[in-house]
């Protein structure tokens, strides 16, 4: 599960998502702006990818599900 801080970063990445951009790029941009670490990026994307595999969703859809459900 993601912490409140991680969920806030994920929600910001979803909100600032640009057309034709993947979630990884959006999250990376948010983390660079917030001085987040690469380890934090890996942690968040690991949870998102696991959720995507488990529910057979795209990473963006899995991120949206996590952002709402948590």
Protein backbone atom coordinates (compact mmCIF):
# COMPACT_ATOMS: atom_id res chain seq x y z
CA UNK A 1 0.00 0.00 0.00
CA UNK A 2 1.03 3.58 -0.56
CA UNK A 3 1.51 6.18 2.16
CA UNK A 4 -0.46 9.43 2.13
CA UNK A 5 2.59 11.27 0.76
CA UNK A 6 3.00 8.73 -2.03
CA UNK A 7 -0.71 8.91 -2.87
CA UNK A 8 -0.52 12.70 -3.01
CA UNK A 9 2.38 12.48 -5.48
CA UNK A 10 0.52 9.90 -7.56
CA UNK A 11 -2.60 12.07 -7.62
CA UNK A 12 -0.52 15.06 -8.70
CA UNK A 13 1.03 12.99 -11.49
CA UNK A 14 -2.43 11.96 -12.69
CA UNK A 15 -3.70 15.55 -12.54
CA UNK A 16 -0.69 16.95 -14.42
CA UNK A 17 -0.69 14.18 -17.03
CA UNK A 18 -0.12 15.52 -20.53
CA UNK A 19 -1.58 14.23 -23.76
CA UNK A 20 0.46 11.36 -25.26
CA UNK A 21 2.52 11.02 -22.08
CA UNK A 22 2.78 7.88 -20.02
CA UNK A 23 2.35 7.73 -16.27
CA UNK A 24 6.05 7.08 -15.68
CA UNK A 25 7.02 10.35 -17.35
CA UNK A 26 4.36 12.31 -15.49
CA UNK A 27 5.36 10.85 -12.12
CA UNK A 28 9.04 11.46 -12.85
CA UNK A 29 8.35 15.13 -13.61
CA UNK A 30 6.37 15.54 -10.37
CA UNK A 31 9.09 13.87 -8.31
CA UNK A 32 11.85 16.01 -9.86
CA UNK A 33 9.82 19.13 -9.08
CA UNK A 34 9.34 17.96 -5.47
CA UNK A 35 12.94 16.72 -5.05
CA UNK A 36 11.72 13.14 -4.72
CA UNK A 37 14.17 10.27 -4.91
CA UNK A 38 14.45 7.57 -7.55
CA UNK A 39 13.71 5.04 -4.82
CA UNK A 40 10.39 6.78 -4.19
CA UNK A 41 9.63 6.61 -7.92
CA UNK A 42 10.43 2.89 -7.95
CA UNK A 43 8.27 2.28 -4.88
CA UNK A 44 5.22 4.08 -6.31
CA UNK A 45 5.56 2.54 -9.79
CA UNK A 46 6.08 -0.91 -8.29
CA UNK A 47 2.77 -0.68 -6.46
CA UNK A 48 1.04 0.73 -9.57
CA UNK A 49 2.44 -2.00 -11.82
CA UNK A 50 1.45 -4.73 -9.37
CA UNK A 51 -2.09 -3.32 -9.24
CA UNK A 52 -2.15 -3.17 -13.06
CA UNK A 53 -1.11 -6.83 -13.30
CA UNK A 54 -3.53 -7.93 -10.62
CA UNK A 55 -6.55 -6.18 -12.17
CA UNK A 56 -5.40 -6.44 -15.82
CA UNK A 57 -5.43 -2.66 -16.29
CA UNK A 58 -3.13 -0.13 -17.91
CA UNK A 59 -0.71 1.61 -15.52
CA UNK A 60 -2.71 4.85 -15.77
CA UNK A 61 -6.00 3.10 -14.99
CA UNK A 62 -4.36 1.25 -12.11
CA UNK A 63 -2.99 4.55 -10.75
CA UNK A 64 -6.44 6.11 -10.93
CA UNK A 65 -7.89 3.11 -9.10
CA UNK A 66 -5.24 3.37 -6.38
CA UNK A 67 -5.74 7.13 -6.05
CA UNK A 68 -9.48 6.67 -5.53
CA UNK A 69 -9.52 3.46 -3.46
CA UNK A 70 -6.81 4.39 -0.96
